[in-house]
Amino acid sequence: KTKTAKEVVTLLEYLDKGAVPKDKIIVNS
């Protein structure tokens, strides 16, 4: 909640590179 939108997007990019399945990810808010 205290991260910027850009930081959250960057996190998702890292997770994509780390092969974290998108169907496991839930985005809050």
mmCIF file of all heavy atoms, coordinates in Angstrom:
data_MODEL
# 
_entry.id   MODEL 
# 
loop_
_atom_site.group_PDB 
_atom_site.id 
_atom_site.type_symbol 
_atom_site.label_atom_id 
_atom_site.label_alt_id 
_atom_site.label_comp_id 
_atom_site.label_asym_id 
_atom_site.label_entity_id 
_atom_site.label_seq_id 
_atom_site.pdbx_PDB_ins_code 
_atom_site.Cartn_x 
_atom_site.Cartn_y 
_atom_site.Cartn_z 
_atom_site.occupancy 
_atom_site.B_iso_or_equiv 
_atom_site.pdbx_formal_charge 
_atom_site.auth_seq_id 
_atom_site.auth_comp_id 
_atom_site.auth_asym_id 
_atom_site.auth_atom_id 
_atom_site.pdbx_PDB_model_num 
ATOM 1   N N   . LYS A 1 1  ? 0.794  -1.235  0.000   1.00 0.00 ? 1  LYS A N   1 
ATOM 2   C CA  . LYS A 1 1  ? 0.000  0.000   0.000   1.00 0.00 ? 1  LYS A CA  1 
ATOM 3   C C   . LYS A 1 1  ? 0.824  1.281   0.000   1.00 0.00 ? 1  LYS A C   1 
ATOM 4   O O   . LYS A 1 1  ? 0.336  2.332   -0.413  1.00 0.00 ? 1  LYS A O   1 
ATOM 5   C CB  . LYS A 1 1  ? -0.969 -0.015  1.179   1.00 0.00 ? 1  LYS A CB  1 
ATOM 6   C CG  . LYS A 1 1  ? -1.987 -1.144  1.078   1.00 0.00 ? 1  LYS A CG  1 
ATOM 7   C CD  . LYS A 1 1  ? -3.157 -0.947  1.994   1.00 0.00 ? 1  LYS A CD  1 
ATOM 8   C CE  . LYS A 1 1  ? -4.244 -1.978  1.693   1.00 0.00 ? 1  LYS A CE  1 
ATOM 9   N NZ  . LYS A 1 1  ? -5.450 -1.775  2.488   1.00 0.00 ? 1  LYS A NZ  1 
ATOM 10  N N   . THR A 1 2  ? 2.065  1.219   0.470   1.00 0.00 ? 2  THR A N   1 
ATOM 11  C CA  . THR A 1 2  ? 2.885  2.436   0.491   1.00 0.00 ? 2  THR A CA  1 
ATOM 12  C C   . THR A 1 2  ? 3.804  2.538   -0.733  1.00 0.00 ? 2  THR A C   1 
ATOM 13  O O   . THR A 1 2  ? 4.511  3.528   -0.893  1.00 0.00 ? 2  THR A O   1 
ATOM 14  C CB  . THR A 1 2  ? 3.748  2.517   1.771   1.00 0.00 ? 2  THR A CB  1 
ATOM 15  O OG1 . THR A 1 2  ? 4.700  1.449   1.764   1.00 0.00 ? 2  THR A OG1 1 
ATOM 16  C CG2 . THR A 1 2  ? 2.889  2.436   3.015   1.00 0.00 ? 2  THR A CG2 1 
ATOM 17  N N   . LYS A 1 3  ? 3.772  1.518   -1.579  1.00 0.00 ? 3  LYS A N   1 
ATOM 18  C CA  . LYS A 1 3  ? 4.601  1.547   -2.790  1.00 0.00 ? 3  LYS A CA  1 
ATOM 19  C C   . LYS A 1 3  ? 3.874  2.322   -3.894  1.00 0.00 ? 3  LYS A C   1 
ATOM 20  O O   . LYS A 1 3  ? 2.639  2.336   -3.955  1.00 0.00 ? 3  LYS A O   1 
ATOM 21  C CB  . LYS A 1 3  ? 4.892  0.125   -3.276  1.00 0.00 ? 3  LYS A CB  1 
ATOM 22  C CG  . LYS A 1 3  ? 5.627  -0.770  -2.285  1.00 0.00 ? 3  LYS A CG  1 
ATOM 23  C CD  . LYS A 1 3  ? 7.073  -0.376  -2.109  1.00 0.00 ? 3  LYS A CD  1 
ATOM 24  C CE  . LYS A 1 3  ? 7.889  -1.476  -1.420  1.00 0.00 ? 3  LYS A CE  1 
ATOM 25  N NZ  . LYS A 1 3  ? 7.439  -1.830  -0.070  1.00 0.00 ? 3  LYS A NZ  1 
ATOM 26  N N   . THR A 1 4  ? 4.639  2.947   -4.769  1.00 0.00 ? 4  THR A N   1 
ATOM 27  C CA  . THR A 1 4  ? 4.049  3.632   -5.911  1.00 0.00 ? 4  THR A CA  1 
ATOM 28  C C   . THR A 1 4  ? 3.565  2.601   -6.933  1.00 0.00 ? 4  THR A C   1 
ATOM 29  O O   . THR A 1 4  ? 3.976  1.426   -6.901  1.00 0.00 ? 4  THR A O   1 
ATOM 30  C CB  . THR A 1 4  ? 5.071  4.547   -6.592  1.00 0.00 ? 4  THR A CB  1 
ATOM 31  O OG1 . THR A 1 4  ? 6.123  3.724   -7.144  1.00 0.00 ? 4  THR A OG1 1 
ATOM 32  C CG2 . THR A 1 4  ? 5.669  5.554   -5.609  1.00 0.00 ? 4  THR A CG2 1 
ATOM 33  N N   . ALA A 1 5  ? 2.706  3.059   -7.832  1.00 0.00 ? 5  ALA A N   1 
ATOM 34  C CA  . ALA A 1 5  ? 2.226  2.179   -8.893  1.00 0.00 ? 5  ALA A CA  1 
ATOM 35  C C   . ALA A 1 5  ? 3.393  1.646   -9.710  1.00 0.00 ? 5  ALA A C   1 
ATOM 36  O O   . ALA A 1 5  ? 3.426  0.469   -10.092 1.00 0.00 ? 5  ALA A O   1 
ATOM 37  C CB  . ALA A 1 5  ? 1.244  2.929   -9.785  1.00 0.00 ? 5  ALA A CB  1 
ATOM 38  N N   . LYS A 1 6  ? 4.374  2.494   -9.968  1.00 0.00 ? 6  LYS A N   1 
ATOM 39  C CA  . LYS A 1 6  ? 5.553  2.078   -10.738 1.00 0.00 ? 6  LYS A CA  1 
ATOM 40  C C   . LYS A 1 6  ? 6.306  0.965   -10.024 1.00 0.00 ? 6  LYS A C   1 
ATOM 41  O O   . LYS A 1 6  ? 6.780  0.010   -10.653 1.00 0.00 ? 6  LYS A O   1 
ATOM 42  C CB  . LYS A 1 6  ? 6.472  3.279   -10.967 1.00 0.00 ? 6  LYS A CB  1 
ATOM 43  C CG  . LYS A 1 6  ? 7.672  2.965   -11.861 1.00 0.00 ? 6  LYS A CG  1 
ATOM 44  C CD  . LYS A 1 6  ? 8.520  4.193   -12.117 1.00 0.00 ? 6  LYS A CD  1 
ATOM 45  C CE  . LYS A 1 6  ? 9.714  3.851   -13.018 1.00 0.00 ? 6  LYS A CE  1 
ATOM 46  N NZ  . LYS A 1 6  ? 10.576 5.029   -13.280 1.00 0.00 ? 6  LYS A NZ  1 
ATOM 47  N N   . GLU A 1 7  ? 6.429  1.072   -8.701  1.00 0.00 ? 7  GLU A N   1 
ATOM 48  C CA  . GLU A 1 7  ? 7.133  0.038   -7.932  1.00 0.00 ? 7  GLU A CA  1 
ATOM 49  C C   . GLU A 1 7  ? 6.377  -1.287  -7.985  1.00 0.00 ? 7  GLU A C   1 
ATOM 50  O O   . GLU A 1 7  ? 6.993  -2.358  -8.105  1.00 0.00 ? 7  GLU A O   1 
ATOM 51  C CB  . GLU A 1 7  ? 7.304  0.498   -6.485  1.00 0.00 ? 7  GLU A CB  1 
ATOM 52  C CG  . GLU A 1 7  ? 8.357  1.577   -6.306  1.00 0.00 ? 7  GLU A CG  1 
ATOM 53  C CD  . GLU A 1 7  ? 8.431  2.090   -4.880  1.00 0.00 ? 7  GLU A CD  1 
ATOM 54  O OE1 . GLU A 1 7  ? 7.366  2.420   -4.301  1.00 0.00 ? 7  GLU A OE1 1 
ATOM 55  O OE2 . GLU A 1 7  ? 9.546  2.159   -4.334  1.00 0.00 ? 7  GLU A OE2 1 
ATOM 56  N N   . VAL A 1 8  ? 5.056  -1.229  -7.901  1.00 0.00 ? 8  VAL A N   1 
ATOM 57  C CA  . VAL A 1 8  ? 4.261  -2.465  -7.964  1.00 0.00 ? 8  VAL A CA  1 
ATOM 58  C C   . VAL A 1 8  ? 4.416  -3.113  -9.341  1.00 0.00 ? 8  VAL A C   1 
ATOM 59  O O   . VAL A 1 8  ? 4.565  -4.336  -9.453  1.00 0.00 ? 8  VAL A O   1 
ATOM 60  C CB  . VAL A 1 8  ? 2.778  -2.182  -7.643  1.00 0.00 ? 8  VAL A CB  1 
ATOM 61  C CG1 . VAL A 1 8  ? 1.942  -3.448  -7.842  1.00 0.00 ? 8  VAL A CG1 1 
ATOM 62  C CG2 . VAL A 1 8  ? 2.620  -1.672  -6.213  1.00 0.00 ? 8  VAL A CG2 1 
ATOM 63  N N   . VAL A 1 9  ? 4.392  -2.294  -10.388 1.00 0.00 ? 9  VAL A N   1 
ATOM 64  C CA  . VAL A 1 9  ? 4.586  -2.817  -11.747 1.00 0.00 ? 9  VAL A CA  1 
ATOM 65  C C   . VAL A 1 9  ? 5.972  -3.438  -11.882 1.00 0.00 ? 9  VAL A C   1 
ATOM 66  O O   . VAL A 1 9  ? 6.131  -4.517  -12.472 1.00 0.00 ? 9  VAL A O   1 
ATOM 67  C CB  . VAL A 1 9  ? 4.372  -1.710  -12.800 1.00 0.00 ? 9  VAL A CB  1 
ATOM 68  C CG1 . VAL A 1 9  ? 4.815  -2.192  -14.185 1.00 0.00 ? 9  VAL A CG1 1 
ATOM 69  C CG2 . VAL A 1 9  ? 2.906  -1.287  -12.830 1.00 0.00 ? 9  VAL A CG2 1 
ATOM 70  N N   . THR A 1 10 ? 6.978  -2.780  -11.315 1.00 0.00 ? 10 THR A N   1 
ATOM 71  C CA  . THR A 1 10 ? 8.344  -3.321  -11.354 1.00 0.00 ? 10 THR A CA  1 
ATOM 72  C C   . THR A 1 10 ? 8.404  -4.671  -10.650 1.00 0.00 ? 10 THR A C   1 
ATOM 73  O O   . THR A 1 10 ? 9.053  -5.613  -11.137 1.00 0.00 ? 10 THR A O   1 
ATOM 74  C CB  . THR A 1 10 ? 9.332  -2.340  -10.699 1.00 0.00 ? 10 THR A CB  1 
ATOM 75  O OG1 . THR A 1 10 ? 9.318  -1.106  -11.415 1.00 0.00 ? 10 THR A OG1 1 
ATOM 76  C CG2 . THR A 1 10 ? 10.753 -2.894  -10.710 1.00 0.00 ? 10 THR A CG2 1 
ATOM 77  N N   . LEU A 1 11 ? 7.731  -4.782  -9.516  1.00 0.00 ? 11 LEU A N   1 
ATOM 78  C CA  . LEU A 1 11 ? 7.667  -6.052  -8.794  1.00 0.00 ? 11 LEU A CA  1 
ATOM 79  C C   . LEU A 1 11 ? 7.062  -7.134  -9.681  1.00 0.00 ? 11 LEU A C   1 
ATOM 80  O O   . LEU A 1 11 ? 7.594  -8.253  -9.766  1.00 0.00 ? 11 LEU A O   1 
ATOM 81  C CB  . LEU A 1 11 ? 6.847  -5.889  -7.511  1.00 0.00 ? 11 LEU A CB  1 
ATOM 82  C CG  . LEU A 1 11 ? 6.548  -7.172  -6.730  1.00 0.00 ? 11 LEU A CG  1 
ATOM 83  C CD1 . LEU A 1 11 ? 7.833  -7.852  -6.272  1.00 0.00 ? 11 LEU A CD1 1 
ATOM 84  C CD2 . LEU A 1 11 ? 5.647  -6.865  -5.523  1.00 0.00 ? 11 LEU A CD2 1 
ATOM 85  N N   . LEU A 1 12 ? 5.969  -6.824  -10.339 1.00 0.00 ? 12 LEU A N   1 
ATOM 86  C CA  . LEU A 1 12 ? 5.323  -7.797  -11.222 1.00 0.00 ? 12 LEU A CA  1 
ATOM 87  C C   . LEU A 1 12 ? 6.240  -8.203  -12.375 1.00 0.00 ? 12 LEU A C   1 
ATOM 88  O O   . LEU A 1 12 ? 6.237  -9.363  -12.803 1.00 0.00 ? 12 LEU A O   1 
ATOM 89  C CB  . LEU A 1 12 ? 4.006  -7.235  -11.757 1.00 0.00 ? 12 LEU A CB  1 
ATOM 90  C CG  . LEU A 1 12 ? 2.897  -7.047  -10.718 1.00 0.00 ? 12 LEU A CG  1 
ATOM 91  C CD1 . LEU A 1 12 ? 1.685  -6.360  -11.345 1.00 0.00 ? 12 LEU A CD1 1 
ATOM 92  C CD2 . LEU A 1 12 ? 2.480  -8.376  -10.097 1.00 0.00 ? 12 LEU A CD2 1 
ATOM 93  N N   . GLU A 1 13 ? 7.039  -7.271  -12.854 1.00 0.00 ? 13 GLU A N   1 
ATOM 94  C CA  . GLU A 1 13 ? 8.000  -7.588  -13.915 1.00 0.00 ? 13 GLU A CA  1 
ATOM 95  C C   . GLU A 1 13 ? 9.061  -8.568  -13.415 1.00 0.00 ? 13 GLU A C   1 
ATOM 96  O O   . GLU A 1 13 ? 9.436  -9.513  -14.118 1.00 0.00 ? 13 GLU A O   1 
ATOM 97  C CB  . GLU A 1 13 ? 8.652  -6.306  -14.435 1.00 0.00 ? 13 GLU A CB  1 
ATOM 98  C CG  . GLU A 1 13 ? 7.694  -5.434  -15.242 1.00 0.00 ? 13 GLU A CG  1 
ATOM 99  C CD  . GLU A 1 13 ? 8.264  -4.062  -15.576 1.00 0.00 ? 13 GLU A CD  1 
ATOM 100 O OE1 . GLU A 1 13 ? 9.344  -3.713  -15.035 1.00 0.00 ? 13 GLU A OE1 1 
ATOM 101 O OE2 . GLU A 1 13 ? 7.635  -3.339  -16.372 1.00 0.00 ? 13 GLU A OE2 1 
ATOM 102 N N   . TYR A 1 14 ? 9.542  -8.333  -12.191 1.00 0.00 ? 14 TYR A N   1 
ATOM 103 C CA  . TYR A 1 14 ? 10.502 -9.265  -11.591 1.00 0.00 ? 14 TYR A CA  1 
ATOM 104 C C   . TYR A 1 14 ? 9.890  -10.662 -11.458 1.00 0.00 ? 14 TYR A C   1 
ATOM 105 O O   . TYR A 1 14 ? 10.548 -11.678 -11.727 1.00 0.00 ? 14 TYR A O   1 
ATOM 106 C CB  . TYR A 1 14 ? 10.934 -8.780  -10.211 1.00 0.00 ? 14 TYR A CB  1 
ATOM 107 C CG  . TYR A 1 14 ? 11.958 -7.659  -10.192 1.00 0.00 ? 14 TYR A CG  1 
ATOM 108 C CD1 . TYR A 1 14 ? 11.832 -6.609  -9.273  1.00 0.00 ? 14 TYR A CD1 1 
ATOM 109 C CD2 . TYR A 1 14 ? 13.057 -7.648  -11.053 1.00 0.00 ? 14 TYR A CD2 1 
ATOM 110 C CE1 . TYR A 1 14 ? 12.776 -5.576  -9.232  1.00 0.00 ? 14 TYR A CE1 1 
ATOM 111 C CE2 . TYR A 1 14 ? 13.989 -6.625  -11.017 1.00 0.00 ? 14 TYR A CE2 1 
ATOM 112 C CZ  . TYR A 1 14 ? 13.847 -5.598  -10.107 1.00 0.00 ? 14 TYR A CZ  1 
ATOM 113 O OH  . TYR A 1 14 ? 14.770 -4.583  -10.068 1.00 0.00 ? 14 TYR A OH  1 
ATOM 114 N N   . LEU A 1 15 ? 8.632  -10.706 -11.025 1.00 0.00 ? 15 LEU A N   1 
ATOM 115 C CA  . LEU A 1 15 ? 7.971  -11.992 -10.824 1.00 0.00 ? 15 LEU A CA  1 
ATOM 116 C C   . LEU A 1 15 ? 7.763  -12.713 -12.152 1.00 0.00 ? 15 LEU A C   1 
ATOM 117 O O   . LEU A 1 15 ? 7.873  -13.937 -12.225 1.00 0.00 ? 15 LEU A O   1 
ATOM 118 C CB  . LEU A 1 15 ? 6.625  -11.797 -10.107 1.00 0.00 ? 15 LEU A CB  1 
ATOM 119 C CG  . LEU A 1 15 ? 6.700  -11.162 -8.716  1.00 0.00 ? 15 LEU A CG  1 
ATOM 120 C CD1 . LEU A 1 15 ? 5.321  -11.142 -8.069  1.00 0.00 ? 15 LEU A CD1 1 
ATOM 121 C CD2 . LEU A 1 15 ? 7.695  -11.888 -7.818  1.00 0.00 ? 15 LEU A CD2 1 
ATOM 122 N N   . ASP A 1 16 ? 7.478  -11.940 -13.193 1.00 0.00 ? 16 ASP A N   1 
ATOM 123 C CA  . ASP A 1 16 ? 7.312  -12.528 -14.519 1.00 0.00 ? 16 ASP A CA  1 
ATOM 124 C C   . ASP A 1 16 ? 8.631  -13.150 -14.977 1.00 0.00 ? 16 ASP A C   1 
ATOM 125 O O   . ASP A 1 16 ? 8.664  -14.271 -15.495 1.00 0.00 ? 16 ASP A O   1 
ATOM 126 C CB  . ASP A 1 16 ? 6.847  -11.452 -15.505 1.00 0.00 ? 16 ASP A CB  1 
ATOM 127 C CG  . ASP A 1 16 ? 6.401  -12.047 -16.827 1.00 0.00 ? 16 ASP A CG  1 
ATOM 128 O OD1 . ASP A 1 16 ? 5.649  -13.032 -16.813 1.00 0.00 ? 16 ASP A OD1 1 
ATOM 129 O OD2 . ASP A 1 16 ? 6.815  -11.524 -17.873 1.00 0.00 ? 16 ASP A OD2 1 
ATOM 130 N N   . LYS A 1 17 ? 9.724  -12.440 -14.767 1.00 0.00 ? 17 LYS A N   1 
ATOM 131 C CA  . LYS A 1 17 ? 11.049 -12.961 -15.128 1.00 0.00 ? 17 LYS A CA  1 
ATOM 132 C C   . LYS A 1 17 ? 11.402 -14.191 -14.290 1.00 0.00 ? 17 LYS A C   1 
ATOM 133 O O   . LYS A 1 17 ? 12.122 -15.076 -14.741 1.00 0.00 ? 17 LYS A O   1 
ATOM 134 C CB  . LYS A 1 17 ? 12.110 -11.885 -14.936 1.00 0.00 ? 17 LYS A CB  1 
ATOM 135 C CG  . LYS A 1 17 ? 12.048 -10.773 -15.967 1.00 0.00 ? 17 LYS A CG  1 
ATOM 136 C CD  . LYS A 1 17 ? 13.046 -9.673  -15.649 1.00 0.00 ? 17 LYS A CD  1 
ATOM 137 C CE  . LYS A 1 17 ? 12.912 -8.504  -16.630 1.00 0.00 ? 17 LYS A CE  1 
ATOM 138 N NZ  . LYS A 1 17 ? 13.768 -7.356  -16.246 1.00 0.00 ? 17 LYS A NZ  1 
ATOM 139 N N   . GLY A 1 18 ? 10.889 -14.218 -13.058 1.00 0.00 ? 18 GLY A N   1 
ATOM 140 C CA  . GLY A 1 18 ? 11.148 -15.357 -12.180 1.00 0.00 ? 18 GLY A CA  1 
ATOM 141 C C   . GLY A 1 18 ? 10.181 -16.507 -12.378 1.00 0.00 ? 18 GLY A C   1 
ATOM 142 O O   . GLY A 1 18 ? 10.169 -17.458 -11.594 1.00 0.00 ? 18 GLY A O   1 
ATOM 143 N N   . ALA A 1 19 ? 9.361  -16.409 -13.442 1.00 0.00 ? 19 ALA A N   1 
ATOM 144 C CA  . ALA A 1 19 ? 8.427  -17.479 -13.833 1.00 0.00 ? 19 ALA A CA  1 
ATOM 145 C C   . ALA A 1 19 ? 7.367  -17.775 -12.771 1.00 0.00 ? 19 ALA A C   1 
ATOM 146 O O   . ALA A 1 19 ? 6.922  -18.912 -12.629 1.00 0.00 ? 19 ALA A O   1 
ATOM 147 C CB  . ALA A 1 19 ? 9.192  -18.749 -14.194 1.00 0.00 ? 19 ALA A CB  1 
ATOM 148 N N   . VAL A 1 20 ? 6.955  -16.744 -12.033 1.00 0.00 ? 20 VAL A N   1 
ATOM 149 C CA  . VAL A 1 20 ? 5.843  -16.919 -11.091 1.00 0.00 ? 20 VAL A CA  1 
ATOM 150 C C   . VAL A 1 20 ? 4.546  -16.924 -11.897 1.00 0.00 ? 20 VAL A C   1 
ATOM 151 O O   . VAL A 1 20 ? 4.272  -15.961 -12.627 1.00 0.00 ? 20 VAL A O   1 
ATOM 152 C CB  . VAL A 1 20 ? 5.809  -15.789 -10.045 1.00 0.00 ? 20 VAL A CB  1 
ATOM 153 C CG1 . VAL A 1 20 ? 4.623  -15.963 -9.105  1.00 0.00 ? 20 VAL A CG1 1 
ATOM 154 C CG2 . VAL A 1 20 ? 7.110  -15.741 -9.261  1.00 0.00 ? 20 VAL A CG2 1 
ATOM 155 N N   . PRO A 1 21 ? 3.751  -17.990 -11.811 1.00 0.00 ? 21 PRO A N   1 
ATOM 156 C CA  . PRO A 1 21 ? 2.526  -18.065 -12.616 1.00 0.00 ? 21 PRO A CA  1 
ATOM 157 C C   . PRO A 1 21 ? 1.565  -16.915 -12.292 1.00 0.00 ? 21 PRO A C   1 
ATOM 158 O O   . PRO A 1 21 ? 1.316  -16.621 -11.128 1.00 0.00 ? 21 PRO A O   1 
ATOM 159 C CB  . PRO A 1 21 ? 1.915  -19.410 -12.206 1.00 0.00 ? 21 PRO A CB  1 
ATOM 160 C CG  . PRO A 1 21 ? 3.055  -20.196 -11.648 1.00 0.00 ? 21 PRO A CG  1 
ATOM 161 C CD  . PRO A 1 21 ? 3.948  -19.198 -10.994 1.00 0.00 ? 21 PRO A CD  1 
ATOM 162 N N   . LYS A 1 22 ? 1.035  -16.297 -13.334 1.00 0.00 ? 22 LYS A N   1 
ATOM 163 C CA  . LYS A 1 22 ? 0.132  -15.164 -13.112 1.00 0.00 ? 22 LYS A CA  1 
ATOM 164 C C   . LYS A 1 22 ? -1.157 -15.578 -12.415 1.00 0.00 ? 22 LYS A C   1 
ATOM 165 O O   . LYS A 1 22 ? -1.785 -14.768 -11.735 1.00 0.00 ? 22 LYS A O   1 
ATOM 166 C CB  . LYS A 1 22 ? -0.175 -14.465 -14.444 1.00 0.00 ? 22 LYS A CB  1 
ATOM 167 C CG  . LYS A 1 22 ? 1.010  -13.665 -14.965 1.00 0.00 ? 22 LYS A CG  1 
ATOM 168 C CD  . LYS A 1 22 ? 0.646  -12.793 -16.145 1.00 0.00 ? 22 LYS A CD  1 
ATOM 169 C CE  . LYS A 1 22 ? 1.842  -11.945 -16.551 1.00 0.00 ? 22 LYS A CE  1 
ATOM 170 N NZ  . LYS A 1 22 ? 1.537  -11.042 -17.677 1.00 0.00 ? 22 LYS A NZ  1 
ATOM 171 N N   . ASP A 1 23 ? -1.548 -16.845 -12.581 1.00 0.00 ? 23 ASP A N   1 
ATOM 172 C CA  . ASP A 1 23 ? -2.786 -17.261 -11.929 1.00 0.00 ? 23 ASP A CA  1 
ATOM 173 C C   . ASP A 1 23 ? -2.622 -17.468 -10.426 1.00 0.00 ? 23 ASP A C   1 
ATOM 174 O O   . ASP A 1 23 ? -3.603 -17.705 -9.718  1.00 0.00 ? 23 ASP A O   1 
ATOM 175 C CB  . ASP A 1 23 ? -3.369 -18.516 -12.581 1.00 0.00 ? 23 ASP A CB  1 
ATOM 176 C CG  . ASP A 1 23 ? -2.431 -19.718 -12.526 1.00 0.00 ? 23 ASP A CG  1 
ATOM 177 O OD1 . ASP A 1 23 ? -1.333 -19.612 -11.937 1.00 0.00 ? 23 ASP A OD1 1 
ATOM 178 O OD2 . ASP A 1 23 ? -2.796 -20.774 -13.074 1.00 0.00 ? 23 ASP A OD2 1 
ATOM 179 N N   . LYS A 1 24 ? -1.376 -17.344 -9.934  1.00 0.00 ? 24 LYS A N   1 
ATOM 180 C CA  . LYS A 1 24 ? -1.147 -17.390 -8.490  1.00 0.00 ? 24 LYS A CA  1 
ATOM 181 C C   . LYS A 1 24 ? -1.132 -15.993 -7.871  1.00 0.00 ? 24 LYS A C   1 
ATOM 182 O O   . LYS A 1 24 ? -1.198 -15.846 -6.654  1.00 0.00 ? 24 LYS A O   1 
ATOM 183 C CB  . LYS A 1 24 ? 0.191  -18.077 -8.170  1.00 0.00 ? 24 LYS A CB  1 
ATOM 184 C CG  . LYS A 1 24 ? 0.157  -19.586 -8.264  1.00 0.00 ? 24 LYS A CG  1 
ATOM 185 C CD  . LYS A 1 24 ? 1.395  -20.185 -7.612  1.00 0.00 ? 24 LYS A CD  1 
ATOM 186 C CE  . LYS A 1 24 ? 1.276  -21.715 -7.589  1.00 0.00 ? 24 LYS A CE  1 
ATOM 187 N NZ  . LYS A 1 24 ? 2.338  -22.325 -6.775  1.00 0.00 ? 24 LYS A NZ  1 
ATOM 188 N N   . ILE A 1 25 ? -1.004 -14.974 -8.706  1.00 0.00 ? 25 ILE A N   1 
ATOM 189 C CA  . ILE A 1 25 ? -0.830 -13.611 -8.211  1.00 0.00 ? 25 ILE A CA  1 
ATOM 190 C C   . ILE A 1 25 ? -2.172 -12.901 -8.039  1.00 0.00 ? 25 ILE A C   1 
ATOM 191 O O   . ILE A 1 25 ? -3.038 -12.960 -8.915  1.00 0.00 ? 25 ILE A O   1 
ATOM 192 C CB  . ILE A 1 25 ? 0.071  -12.795 -9.161  1.00 0.00 ? 25 ILE A CB  1 
ATOM 193 C CG1 . ILE A 1 25 ? 1.462  -13.436 -9.257  1.00 0.00 ? 25 ILE A CG1 1 
ATOM 194 C CG2 . ILE A 1 25 ? 0.181  -11.342 -8.692  1.00 0.00 ? 25 ILE A CG2 1 
ATOM 195 C CD1 . ILE A 1 25 ? 2.365  -12.792 -10.300 1.00 0.00 ? 25 ILE A CD1 1 
ATOM 196 N N   . ILE A 1 26 ? -2.313 -12.245 -6.895  1.00 0.00 ? 26 ILE A N   1 
ATOM 197 C CA  . ILE A 1 26 ? -3.481 -11.411 -6.600  1.00 0.00 ? 26 ILE A CA  1 
ATOM 198 C C   . ILE A 1 26 ? -2.976 -9.999  -6.351  1.00 0.00 ? 26 ILE A C   1 
ATOM 199 O O   . ILE A 1 26 ? -2.057 -9.800  -5.555  1.00 0.00 ? 26 ILE A O   1 
ATOM 200 C CB  . ILE A 1 26 ? -4.222 -11.916 -5.336  1.00 0.00 ? 26 ILE A CB  1 
ATOM 201 C CG1 . ILE A 1 26 ? -4.701 -13.359 -5.528  1.00 0.00 ? 26 ILE A CG1 1 
ATOM 202 C CG2 . ILE A 1 26 ? -5.389 -10.993 -4.984  1.00 0.00 ? 26 ILE A CG2 1 
ATOM 203 C CD1 . ILE A 1 26 ? -5.206 -14.012 -4.246  1.00 0.00 ? 26 ILE A CD1 1 
ATOM 204 N N   . VAL A 1 27 ? -3.548 -9.032  -7.036  1.00 0.00 ? 27 VAL A N   1 
ATOM 205 C CA  . VAL A 1 27 ? -3.152 -7.638  -6.833  1.00 0.00 ? 27 VAL A CA  1 
ATOM 206 C C   . VAL A 1 27 ? -4.169 -6.964  -5.927  1.00 0.00 ? 27 VAL A C   1 
ATOM 207 O O   . VAL A 1 27 ? -5.374 -7.002  -6.187  1.00 0.00 ? 27 VAL A O   1 
ATOM 208 C CB  . VAL A 1 27 ? -3.041 -6.879  -8.176  1.00 0.00 ? 27 VAL A CB  1 
ATOM 209 C CG1 . VAL A 1 27 ? -2.839 -5.384  -7.932  1.00 0.00 ? 27 VAL A CG1 1 
ATOM 210 C CG2 . VAL A 1 27 ? -1.883 -7.429  -8.995  1.00 0.00 ? 27 VAL A CG2 1 
ATOM 211 N N   . ASN A 1 28 ? -3.683 -6.365  -4.856  1.00 0.00 ? 28 ASN A N   1 
ATOM 212 C CA  . ASN A 1 28 ? -4.556 -5.685  -3.890  1.00 0.00 ? 28 ASN A CA  1 
ATOM 213 C C   . ASN A 1 28 ? -4.826 -4.259  -4.362  1.00 0.00 ? 28 ASN A C   1 
ATOM 214 O O   . ASN A 1 28 ? -3.891 -3.466  -4.551  1.00 0.00 ? 28 ASN A O   1 
ATOM 215 C CB  . ASN A 1 28 ? -3.888 -5.685  -2.506  1.00 0.00 ? 28 ASN A CB  1 
ATOM 216 C CG  . ASN A 1 28 ? -4.801 -5.148  -1.425  1.00 0.00 ? 28 ASN A CG  1 
ATOM 217 O OD1 . ASN A 1 28 ? -5.247 -4.006  -1.467  1.00 0.00 ? 28 ASN A OD1 1 
ATOM 218 N ND2 . ASN A 1 28 ? -5.075 -5.970  -0.421  1.00 0.00 ? 28 ASN A ND2 1 
ATOM 219 N N   . SER A 1 29 ? -6.102 -3.931  -4.559  1.00 0.00 ? 29 SER A N   1 
ATOM 220 C CA  . SER A 1 29 ? -6.608 -2.572  -4.821  1.00 0.00 ? 29 SER A CA  1 
ATOM 221 C C   . SER A 1 29 ? -6.307 -1.996  -6.204  1.00 0.00 ? 29 SER A C   1 
ATOM 222 O O   . SER A 1 29 ? -7.134 -1.287  -6.767  1.00 0.00 ? 29 SER A O   1 
ATOM 223 C CB  . SER A 1 29 ? -6.094 -1.590  -3.762  1.00 0.00 ? 29 SER A CB  1 
ATOM 224 O OG  . SER A 1 29 ? -6.540 -1.965  -2.478  1.00 0.00 ? 29 SER A OG  1 
# 
